[in-house]
Amino acid sequence: MSQLESKKHIIYIFGTFAFLLFSIADTIIKLIGDLYKDTVIFSIASFSALIPVLFYLLYRKSFEEIKTKNYKLHFVRGILMTLTYYFVVKGIILLPLSIAYPIILSAPVLLSIMGILILKETIYLSKIISLILAMIAVFIVSGFSLNAGFNSLGVIFLILGVISLACLDFTVRVYGKSERTVALTFYSMAITGIIFTLFSINHYKDINLNDLSLMVSAGLIDGVAMMILIYSLRRIEASFFSITHYSQIIFGIVISIVVFNHYPSIIEISGAILIIISGYLIYSKLKKLN
């Protein structure tokens, strides 16, 4: 194994660990999601997620990394991040993780379609097959969840979240070379926290100290996971790194069983497998091209 391949394998491990942390943070939010106004939980978690980023900047003594002149971009990303956070986390609260994650991880499908239509990216057979598989997976998982009596609003939230997430990721694809990853993360999370706070005024009283600790913990875990992603994305091509996203499906199934005592159906597992295959097809094609 070459030194480059060895380095990539280590980064894949880091990426997988980051998505494990994201899954843990989602689980914490899901456990307390019905106890308080949703925007209160989201605002506390969003601001808490900034703490590891600030520590990172202090450690490197490099606040230059978040200097920018493109405030309009960051404002738009902040709005998209707010919509993504709200819709995705609300969907996660309302649905089992084994259903939520396969739907969420169809976002790269929409991103690929946007790349083809707007950026005129190359179309190849494995990408077409990948998109078809992912769309089939979303349809069967969404249809199953609705037919099985799971919360229909949760499915709608997740679909809206996928749209906003794809748009958010698309801004990185277009502007990622002119703006640092840490700046994109910092400003979008800060604006998200501010927006949620504006919708939460007069709703912060009577928060249980233990629950507050959980909200802060979820945000801190998200922040650490983001820093791992920033570290990883600086050392490996984003296209290759994206394969680690799909580990979250496995984590979602395990957490659904262990924490929420929800045993995924054959339909849920089949949808998860199709999404993973879809992601791997694109990954394997990119590996051949490089």
Protein backbone atom coordinates (compact mmCIF):
# COMPACT_ATOMS: atom_id res chain seq x y z
CA MET A 1 0.00 0.00 0.00
CA SER A 2 1.46 3.39 -1.01
CA GLN A 3 1.93 6.19 1.51
CA LEU A 4 -0.88 8.13 -0.16
CA GLU A 5 -3.28 5.16 0.07
CA SER A 6 -2.31 4.64 3.72
CA LYS A 7 -3.01 8.31 4.42
CA LYS A 8 -6.42 8.04 2.74
CA HIS A 9 -7.36 5.03 4.88
CA ILE A 10 -6.51 6.96 8.05
CA ILE A 11 -8.61 9.90 6.87
CA TYR A 12 -11.50 7.52 6.12
CA ILE A 13 -11.30 6.34 9.74
CA PHE A 14 -11.39 9.96 10.94
CA GLY A 15 -14.38 10.66 8.70
CA THR A 16 -16.26 7.61 9.92
CA PHE A 17 -15.59 8.67 13.53
CA ALA A 18 -16.89 12.17 12.73
CA PHE A 19 -20.18 10.75 11.46
CA LEU A 20 -20.41 8.56 14.55
CA LEU A 21 -20.19 11.78 16.58
CA PHE A 22 -22.88 13.41 14.42
CA SER A 23 -25.10 10.36 15.05
CA ILE A 24 -24.54 10.61 18.81
CA ALA A 25 -25.41 14.32 18.76
CA ASP A 26 -28.57 13.56 16.75
CA THR A 27 -29.52 10.91 19.29
CA ILE A 28 -29.13 13.35 22.20
CA ILE A 29 -31.33 15.93 20.46
CA LYS A 30 -33.87 13.23 19.61
CA LEU A 31 -34.09 12.17 23.28
CA ILE A 32 -34.99 15.69 24.50
CA GLY A 33 -36.65 16.98 21.32
CA ASP A 34 -40.19 16.93 22.71
CA LEU A 35 -39.37 18.62 26.02
CA TYR A 36 -38.77 22.21 24.87
CA LYS A 37 -39.48 24.56 22.00
CA ASP A 38 -37.45 23.25 19.08
CA THR A 39 -35.71 26.55 18.25
CA VAL A 40 -34.49 26.82 21.87
CA ILE A 41 -32.73 23.46 21.59
CA PHE A 42 -31.33 24.32 18.15
CA SER A 43 -30.03 27.75 19.20
CA ILE A 44 -28.17 26.37 22.24
CA ALA A 45 -26.74 23.48 20.22
CA SER A 46 -25.72 25.78 17.33
CA PHE A 47 -23.81 28.21 19.54
CA SER A 48 -22.24 25.32 21.47
CA ALA A 49 -20.99 23.86 18.18
CA LEU A 50 -18.98 27.05 17.64
CA ILE A 51 -16.92 26.50 20.80
CA PRO A 52 -14.60 23.81 19.31
CA VAL A 53 -14.17 26.00 16.22
CA LEU A 54 -13.12 28.96 18.38
CA PHE A 55 -10.71 26.76 20.36
CA TYR A 56 -9.26 25.57 17.07
CA LEU A 57 -8.70 29.16 15.90
CA LEU A 58 -7.19 30.13 19.26
CA TYR A 59 -4.89 27.10 19.20
CA ARG A 60 -3.65 27.92 15.71
CA LYS A 61 -3.61 31.65 16.53
CA SER A 62 -5.13 32.09 13.12
CA PHE A 63 -8.33 34.12 13.07
CA GLU A 64 -7.20 35.06 9.56
CA GLU A 65 -8.90 31.82 8.50
CA ILE A 66 -12.34 33.33 9.03
CA LYS A 67 -11.60 36.68 7.41
CA THR A 68 -13.87 37.23 4.44
CA LYS A 69 -15.26 39.85 2.11
CA ASN A 70 -18.07 37.70 0.79
CA TYR A 71 -20.61 38.38 3.52
CA LYS A 72 -23.54 37.91 1.15
CA LEU A 73 -22.46 34.31 0.54
CA HIS A 74 -22.19 33.61 4.27
CA PHE A 75 -25.58 35.20 4.95
CA VAL A 76 -27.22 33.01 2.29
CA ARG A 77 -25.40 29.96 3.66
CA GLY A 78 -26.57 30.89 7.16
CA ILE A 79 -30.19 30.86 6.00
CA LEU A 80 -29.67 27.55 4.18
CA MET A 81 -27.94 26.09 7.25
CA THR A 82 -30.87 27.20 9.43
CA LEU A 83 -33.38 25.54 7.10
CA THR A 84 -31.24 22.41 6.85
CA TYR A 85 -30.73 22.15 10.62
CA TYR A 86 -34.40 22.75 11.37
CA PHE A 87 -35.91 20.38 8.80
CA VAL A 88 -33.35 17.60 9.22
CA VAL A 89 -33.32 17.60 13.03
CA LYS A 90 -37.13 17.87 13.20
CA GLY A 91 -37.32 14.86 10.88
CA ILE A 92 -34.83 12.98 13.05
CA ILE A 93 -36.90 13.75 16.14
CA LEU A 94 -40.10 12.51 14.51
CA LEU A 95 -38.76 9.37 12.76
CA PRO A 96 -36.51 6.43 13.64
CA LEU A 97 -32.87 7.03 12.63
CA SER A 98 -32.96 3.91 10.47
CA ILE A 99 -35.59 5.67 8.32
CA ALA A 100 -34.23 9.21 8.61
CA TYR A 101 -30.62 8.64 7.56
CA PRO A 102 -31.27 6.89 4.22
CA ILE A 103 -33.53 9.79 3.24
CA ILE A 104 -31.03 12.43 4.42
CA LEU A 105 -28.13 10.76 2.65
CA SER A 106 -29.94 11.05 -0.66
CA ALA A 107 -28.84 14.70 -0.66
CA PRO A 108 -25.74 13.86 -2.77
CA VAL A 109 -28.17 12.64 -5.46
CA LEU A 110 -29.79 16.05 -5.70
CA LEU A 111 -26.34 17.66 -5.52
CA SER A 112 -25.20 15.53 -8.47
CA ILE A 113 -28.28 16.52 -10.47
CA MET A 114 -27.59 20.19 -9.72
CA GLY A 115 -23.98 19.69 -10.80
CA ILE A 116 -25.10 18.17 -14.09
CA LEU A 117 -27.77 20.79 -14.83
CA ILE A 118 -26.01 23.94 -13.58
CA LEU A 119 -22.27 23.20 -13.71
CA LYS A 120 -22.53 20.93 -16.79
CA GLU A 121 -20.60 18.17 -15.02
CA THR A 122 -19.81 14.97 -16.90
CA ILE A 123 -22.50 12.29 -17.01
CA TYR A 124 -21.35 8.67 -16.95
CA LEU A 125 -23.15 5.35 -16.58
CA SER A 126 -22.18 4.63 -12.97
CA LYS A 127 -23.45 8.09 -11.94
CA ILE A 128 -26.79 7.47 -13.68
CA ILE A 129 -27.15 4.06 -12.00
CA SER A 130 -26.15 5.62 -8.67
CA LEU A 131 -28.80 8.34 -8.97
CA ILE A 132 -31.50 5.83 -9.93
CA LEU A 133 -30.63 3.53 -7.00
CA ALA A 134 -30.67 6.41 -4.53
CA MET A 135 -34.02 7.70 -5.78
CA ILE A 136 -35.53 4.22 -5.56
CA ALA A 137 -34.20 3.89 -2.01
CA VAL A 138 -35.76 7.20 -0.94
CA PHE A 139 -39.10 6.29 -2.50
CA ILE A 140 -39.30 2.86 -0.85
CA VAL A 141 -38.13 4.08 2.58
CA SER A 142 -40.42 7.13 2.49
CA GLY A 143 -43.34 5.09 1.18
CA PHE A 144 -42.80 2.39 3.80
CA SER A 145 -42.64 4.92 6.64
CA LEU A 146 -45.91 6.51 5.50
CA ASN A 147 -47.69 3.16 4.98
CA ALA A 148 -46.41 1.86 8.31
CA GLY A 149 -47.94 4.80 10.14
CA PHE A 150 -44.77 6.71 10.97
CA ASN A 151 -45.05 10.48 11.21
CA SER A 152 -45.76 11.84 7.72
CA LEU A 153 -44.64 15.33 8.76
CA GLY A 154 -41.23 13.83 9.58
CA VAL A 155 -40.87 12.58 6.00
CA ILE A 156 -41.87 16.00 4.62
CA PHE A 157 -39.35 17.72 6.92
CA LEU A 158 -36.57 15.39 5.77
CA ILE A 159 -37.34 15.92 2.07
CA LEU A 160 -37.24 19.70 2.61
CA GLY A 161 -34.03 19.21 4.60
CA VAL A 162 -32.47 17.24 1.73
CA ILE A 163 -33.28 20.06 -0.70
CA SER A 164 -31.77 22.75 1.54
CA LEU A 165 -28.76 20.53 2.35
CA ALA A 166 -28.04 19.96 -1.34
CA CYS A 167 -28.22 23.72 -1.95
CA LEU A 168 -25.90 24.31 1.03
CA ASP A 169 -23.37 21.78 -0.28
CA PHE A 170 -23.69 23.28 -3.76
CA THR A 171 -22.44 26.63 -2.42
CA VAL A 172 -19.30 24.84 -1.18
CA ARG A 173 -18.79 23.27 -4.61
CA VAL A 174 -19.08 26.68 -6.29
CA TYR A 175 -17.30 28.89 -3.72
CA GLY A 176 -15.17 26.39 -1.82
CA LYS A 177 -11.97 27.43 -3.61
CA SER A 178 -12.33 31.11 -2.72
CA GLU A 179 -13.49 30.66 0.89
CA ARG A 180 -11.82 28.56 3.58
CA THR A 181 -13.76 25.58 4.92
CA VAL A 182 -13.49 26.83 8.52
CA ALA A 183 -14.90 30.23 7.48
CA LEU A 184 -17.82 28.59 5.70
CA THR A 185 -18.51 26.54 8.83
CA PHE A 186 -18.05 29.37 11.34
CA TYR A 187 -20.31 31.96 9.72
CA SER A 188 -23.09 29.56 8.76
CA MET A 189 -23.27 28.14 12.31
CA ALA A 190 -23.12 31.63 13.89
CA ILE A 191 -25.91 32.96 11.69
CA THR A 192 -27.94 29.81 12.36
CA GLY A 193 -27.58 30.29 16.11
CA ILE A 194 -28.64 33.94 15.84
CA ILE A 195 -31.73 33.12 13.75
CA PHE A 196 -32.84 30.36 16.12
CA THR A 197 -32.28 32.70 19.10
CA LEU A 198 -34.53 35.35 17.54
CA PHE A 199 -37.30 32.73 17.31
CA SER A 200 -36.70 31.61 20.90
CA ILE A 201 -36.93 34.85 22.88
CA ASN A 202 -38.95 34.39 26.10
CA HIS A 203 -38.71 30.58 25.81
CA TYR A 204 -35.44 29.98 27.66
CA LYS A 205 -36.88 29.93 31.17
CA ASP A 206 -37.49 26.72 33.11
CA ILE A 207 -34.88 24.70 31.25
CA ASN A 208 -33.76 21.81 33.40
CA LEU A 209 -30.00 21.96 34.12
CA ASN A 210 -29.49 18.35 33.01
CA ASP A 211 -31.36 19.01 29.76
CA LEU A 212 -29.33 22.18 29.19
CA SER A 213 -26.18 20.10 29.63
CA LEU A 214 -27.47 17.67 27.01
CA MET A 215 -28.18 20.49 24.54
CA VAL A 216 -24.71 21.93 25.05
CA SER A 217 -23.16 18.46 24.81
CA ALA A 218 -24.92 17.78 21.50
CA GLY A 219 -23.62 21.07 20.14
CA LEU A 220 -20.07 20.42 21.37
CA ILE A 221 -20.08 16.95 19.81
CA ASP A 222 -21.31 18.42 16.52
CA GLY A 223 -18.58 21.04 16.71
CA VAL A 224 -15.85 18.46 17.30
CA ALA A 225 -17.19 16.39 14.39
CA MET A 226 -17.11 19.48 12.16
CA MET A 227 -13.48 20.13 13.12
CA ILE A 228 -12.58 16.54 12.22
CA LEU A 229 -14.25 17.02 8.84
CA ILE A 230 -12.34 20.27 8.28
CA TYR A 231 -9.09 18.51 9.19
CA SER A 232 -9.89 15.63 6.86
CA LEU A 233 -11.06 17.73 3.93
CA ARG A 234 -7.75 19.58 4.00
CA ARG A 235 -5.89 16.33 3.46
CA ILE A 236 -7.97 14.43 0.95
CA GLU A 237 -10.20 15.24 -2.01
CA ALA A 238 -13.77 15.94 -0.94
CA SER A 239 -15.09 13.57 -3.64
CA PHE A 240 -13.21 10.62 -2.10
CA PHE A 241 -14.02 11.63 1.46
CA SER A 242 -17.78 11.67 0.77
CA ILE A 243 -17.88 7.86 0.99
CA THR A 244 -17.56 8.15 4.78
CA HIS A 245 -20.99 9.84 4.90
CA TYR A 246 -22.67 6.50 4.35
CA SER A 247 -21.34 5.03 7.60
CA GLN A 248 -24.04 7.11 9.30
CA ILE A 249 -26.68 4.74 7.92
CA ILE A 250 -25.08 1.86 9.82
CA PHE A 251 -24.85 3.97 12.98
CA GLY A 252 -28.51 4.91 12.60
CA ILE A 253 -29.59 1.27 12.43
CA VAL A 254 -27.49 0.33 15.48
CA ILE A 255 -28.70 3.31 17.54
CA SER A 256 -32.32 2.63 16.55
CA ILE A 257 -32.01 -0.88 17.97
CA VAL A 258 -29.86 -0.21 21.06
CA VAL A 259 -31.27 3.15 22.22
CA PHE A 260 -34.81 3.31 20.85
CA ASN A 261 -35.61 -0.40 20.63
CA HIS A 262 -36.70 0.03 17.01
CA TYR A 263 -35.78 -2.97 14.88
CA PRO A 264 -35.52 -1.92 11.22
CA SER A 265 -37.71 -3.74 8.72
CA ILE A 266 -36.42 -5.43 5.59
CA ILE A 267 -37.59 -2.36 3.64
CA GLU A 268 -35.52 -0.01 5.80
CA ILE A 269 -32.44 -2.20 5.52
CA SER A 270 -32.92 -2.60 1.77
CA GLY A 271 -33.18 1.16 1.33
CA ALA A 272 -30.02 1.66 3.40
CA ILE A 273 -28.13 -0.89 1.28
CA LEU A 274 -29.24 0.81 -1.95
CA ILE A 275 -28.03 4.19 -0.67
CA ILE A 276 -24.66 2.72 0.31
CA ILE A 277 -24.29 1.02 -3.10
CA SER A 278 -25.25 4.31 -4.77
CA GLY A 279 -22.51 6.16 -2.91
CA TYR A 280 -19.93 3.47 -3.60
CA LEU A 281 -20.61 3.56 -7.35
CA ILE A 282 -19.72 7.23 -7.53
CA TYR A 283 -16.71 6.70 -5.24
CA SER A 284 -15.35 3.82 -7.32
CA LYS A 285 -15.72 5.82 -10.55
CA LEU A 286 -13.89 8.80 -9.05
CA LYS A 287 -11.13 6.47 -7.85
CA LYS A 288 -10.64 5.15 -11.42
CA LEU A 289 -10.60 8.67 -12.86
CA ASN A 290 -7.91 9.70 -10.40
